Amino acid sequence: MWPAVNSVKRLNKYALSGKLFRSEQGQGLAEYAAMLGLLLSLLFIARMIGYNAKQVFQWVLYALQQG
């Protein structure tokens, strides 16, 4: 039989027995991936805030120099 059909049958067997949803095999990897995504998001936000603050200070400096 085709490999895809065997995979579907195996998936149905695990889903019907409840093992699919109780398995914690990939849980650790998913948690690390979520934490990495959160960290990268926070770093991106901090960088954007810093960039915007730099732009504001440059604008104020330019306005003060113009008089």
N, C-alpha and C. Protein backbone atom coordinates (compact mmCIF):
# COMPACT_ATOMS: atom_id res chain seq x y z
N MET A 1 0.84 -1.18 0.00
CA MET A 1 0.00 0.00 0.00
C MET A 1 0.89 1.25 0.00
N TRP A 2 0.32 2.39 -0.35
CA TRP A 2 1.09 3.62 -0.43
C TRP A 2 1.48 4.12 0.96
N PRO A 3 2.65 4.76 1.06
CA PRO A 3 3.09 5.25 2.38
C PRO A 3 2.14 6.28 2.98
N ALA A 4 1.54 7.13 2.15
CA ALA A 4 0.62 8.14 2.68
C ALA A 4 -0.61 7.50 3.31
N VAL A 5 -1.10 6.44 2.69
CA VAL A 5 -2.28 5.75 3.22
C VAL A 5 -1.92 5.10 4.55
N ASN A 6 -0.74 4.50 4.64
CA ASN A 6 -0.31 3.89 5.90
C ASN A 6 -0.18 4.94 6.99
N SER A 7 0.34 6.11 6.64
CA SER A 7 0.49 7.18 7.63
C SER A 7 -0.86 7.64 8.14
N VAL A 8 -1.83 7.78 7.25
CA VAL A 8 -3.18 8.19 7.65
C VAL A 8 -3.80 7.15 8.55
N LYS A 9 -3.65 5.88 8.20
CA LYS A 9 -4.21 4.81 9.03
C LYS A 9 -3.57 4.81 10.42
N ARG A 10 -2.25 5.02 10.48
CA ARG A 10 -1.55 5.06 11.76
C ARG A 10 -2.03 6.26 12.58
N LEU A 11 -2.22 7.41 11.92
CA LEU A 11 -2.69 8.61 12.60
C LEU A 11 -4.09 8.39 13.16
N ASN A 12 -4.95 7.77 12.38
CA ASN A 12 -6.32 7.48 12.85
C ASN A 12 -6.29 6.53 14.04
N LYS A 13 -5.39 5.55 14.01
CA LYS A 13 -5.29 4.59 15.11
C LYS A 13 -4.90 5.31 16.40
N TYR A 14 -3.92 6.21 16.32
CA TYR A 14 -3.49 6.95 17.51
C TYR A 14 -4.56 7.95 17.97
N ALA A 15 -5.23 8.58 17.02
CA ALA A 15 -6.26 9.55 17.39
C ALA A 15 -7.43 8.86 18.08
N LEU A 16 -7.81 7.70 17.57
CA LEU A 16 -8.94 6.99 18.16
C LEU A 16 -8.59 6.43 19.53
N SER A 17 -7.35 6.07 19.74
CA SER A 17 -6.97 5.52 21.03
C SER A 17 -6.66 6.61 22.05
N GLY A 18 -6.58 7.86 21.61
CA GLY A 18 -6.31 8.97 22.51
C GLY A 18 -4.83 9.21 22.74
N LYS A 19 -3.96 8.39 22.15
CA LYS A 19 -2.52 8.54 22.36
C LYS A 19 -1.97 9.77 21.66
N LEU A 20 -2.62 10.19 20.59
CA LEU A 20 -2.11 11.33 19.82
C LEU A 20 -2.12 12.60 20.65
N PHE A 21 -3.16 12.79 21.43
CA PHE A 21 -3.29 14.02 22.19
C PHE A 21 -2.63 13.95 23.56
N ARG A 22 -2.30 12.77 24.01
CA ARG A 22 -1.64 12.62 25.30
C ARG A 22 -0.13 12.55 25.18
N SER A 23 0.36 12.42 23.98
CA SER A 23 1.81 12.31 23.78
C SER A 23 2.48 13.64 24.08
N GLU A 24 3.57 13.59 24.83
CA GLU A 24 4.30 14.80 25.18
C GLU A 24 5.68 14.79 24.54
N GLN A 25 5.84 14.04 23.49
CA GLN A 25 7.15 13.86 22.88
C GLN A 25 7.70 15.16 22.32
N GLY A 26 6.91 15.95 21.62
CA GLY A 26 7.40 17.18 21.01
C GLY A 26 7.11 18.42 21.83
N GLN A 27 6.62 18.26 23.03
CA GLN A 27 6.22 19.40 23.85
C GLN A 27 7.40 20.28 24.22
N GLY A 28 8.53 19.70 24.57
CA GLY A 28 9.70 20.49 24.96
C GLY A 28 10.21 21.34 23.81
N LEU A 29 10.27 20.76 22.63
CA LEU A 29 10.73 21.50 21.46
C LEU A 29 9.79 22.65 21.14
N ALA A 30 8.49 22.42 21.26
CA ALA A 30 7.51 23.47 20.99
C ALA A 30 7.64 24.61 22.00
N GLU A 31 7.91 24.27 23.25
CA GLU A 31 8.08 25.30 24.27
C GLU A 31 9.33 26.13 24.00
N TYR A 32 10.41 25.49 23.62
CA TYR A 32 11.63 26.24 23.29
C TYR A 32 11.42 27.13 22.08
N ALA A 33 10.70 26.65 21.09
CA ALA A 33 10.42 27.44 19.89
C ALA A 33 9.55 28.65 20.24
N ALA A 34 8.57 28.46 21.12
CA ALA A 34 7.72 29.58 21.54
C ALA A 34 8.52 30.61 22.32
N MET A 35 9.40 30.16 23.19
CA MET A 35 10.23 31.09 23.96
C MET A 35 11.19 31.84 23.05
N LEU A 36 11.75 31.18 22.06
CA LEU A 36 12.65 31.84 21.11
C LEU A 36 11.89 32.89 20.32
N GLY A 37 10.69 32.57 19.89
CA GLY A 37 9.86 33.53 19.17
C GLY A 37 9.53 34.74 20.02
N LEU A 38 9.20 34.52 21.29
CA LEU A 38 8.91 35.62 22.20
C LEU A 38 10.13 36.49 22.41
N LEU A 39 11.28 35.87 22.60
CA LEU A 39 12.52 36.62 22.80
C LEU A 39 12.86 37.46 21.57
N LEU A 40 12.75 36.87 20.40
CA LEU A 40 13.03 37.62 19.17
C LEU A 40 12.05 38.78 18.99
N SER A 41 10.80 38.56 19.35
CA SER A 41 9.81 39.64 19.26
C SER A 41 10.16 40.78 20.20
N LEU A 42 10.54 40.45 21.42
CA LEU A 42 10.92 41.49 22.38
C LEU A 42 12.16 42.25 21.93
N LEU A 43 13.13 41.54 21.38
CA LEU A 43 14.33 42.21 20.87
C LEU A 43 13.99 43.14 19.71
N PHE A 44 13.10 42.71 18.83
CA PHE A 44 12.69 43.55 17.71
C PHE A 44 11.97 44.80 18.20
N ILE A 45 11.08 44.64 19.18
CA ILE A 45 10.35 45.78 19.73
C ILE A 45 11.31 46.75 20.40
N ALA A 46 12.26 46.23 21.17
CA ALA A 46 13.24 47.10 21.84
C ALA A 46 14.08 47.85 20.81
N ARG A 47 14.43 47.19 19.74
CA ARG A 47 15.22 47.85 18.69
C ARG A 47 14.42 48.96 18.02
N MET A 48 13.14 48.71 17.76
CA MET A 48 12.30 49.74 17.13
C MET A 48 12.10 50.93 18.06
N ILE A 49 11.91 50.67 19.35
CA ILE A 49 11.77 51.76 20.31
C ILE A 49 13.05 52.59 20.35
N GLY A 50 14.19 51.92 20.37
CA GLY A 50 15.47 52.63 20.37
C GLY A 50 15.67 53.45 19.11
N TYR A 51 15.29 52.90 17.97
CA TYR A 51 15.42 53.62 16.70
C TYR A 51 14.53 54.85 16.69
N ASN A 52 13.28 54.70 17.16
CA ASN A 52 12.37 55.83 17.20
C ASN A 52 12.84 56.90 18.17
N ALA A 53 13.39 56.50 19.31
CA ALA A 53 13.90 57.46 20.27
C ALA A 53 15.08 58.22 19.67
N LYS A 54 15.92 57.54 18.94
CA LYS A 54 17.05 58.19 18.29
C LYS A 54 16.56 59.23 17.28
N GLN A 55 15.53 58.89 16.52
CA GLN A 55 14.97 59.83 15.56
C GLN A 55 14.39 61.06 16.25
N VAL A 56 13.72 60.87 17.37
CA VAL A 56 13.14 61.99 18.11
C VAL A 56 14.24 62.91 18.63
N PHE A 57 15.29 62.34 19.20
CA PHE A 57 16.39 63.16 19.72
C PHE A 57 17.09 63.92 18.60
N GLN A 58 17.25 63.28 17.46
CA GLN A 58 17.87 63.98 16.33
C GLN A 58 16.98 65.13 15.86
N TRP A 59 15.68 64.92 15.86
CA TRP A 59 14.76 65.98 15.44
C TRP A 59 14.82 67.15 16.42
N VAL A 60 14.85 66.86 17.72
CA VAL A 60 14.93 67.91 18.74
C VAL A 60 16.25 68.67 18.60
N LEU A 61 17.35 67.96 18.40
CA LEU A 61 18.65 68.60 18.22
C LEU A 61 18.64 69.51 16.99
N TYR A 62 18.06 69.04 15.92
CA TYR A 62 17.98 69.85 14.69
C TYR A 62 17.12 71.09 14.94
N ALA A 63 15.99 70.93 15.65
CA ALA A 63 15.12 72.06 15.94
C ALA A 63 15.82 73.09 16.82
N LEU A 64 16.60 72.62 17.78
CA LEU A 64 17.34 73.54 18.66
C LEU A 64 18.44 74.27 17.89
N GLN A 65 19.07 73.59 16.97
CA GLN A 65 20.13 74.23 16.20
C GLN A 65 19.58 75.27 15.23
N GLN A 66 18.37 75.05 14.74
CA GLN A 66 17.76 75.99 13.80
C GLN A 66 17.26 77.24 14.51
N GLY A 67 17.04 77.11 15.76
CA GLY A 67 16.81 78.25 16.54
C GLY A 67 15.56 78.75 16.98
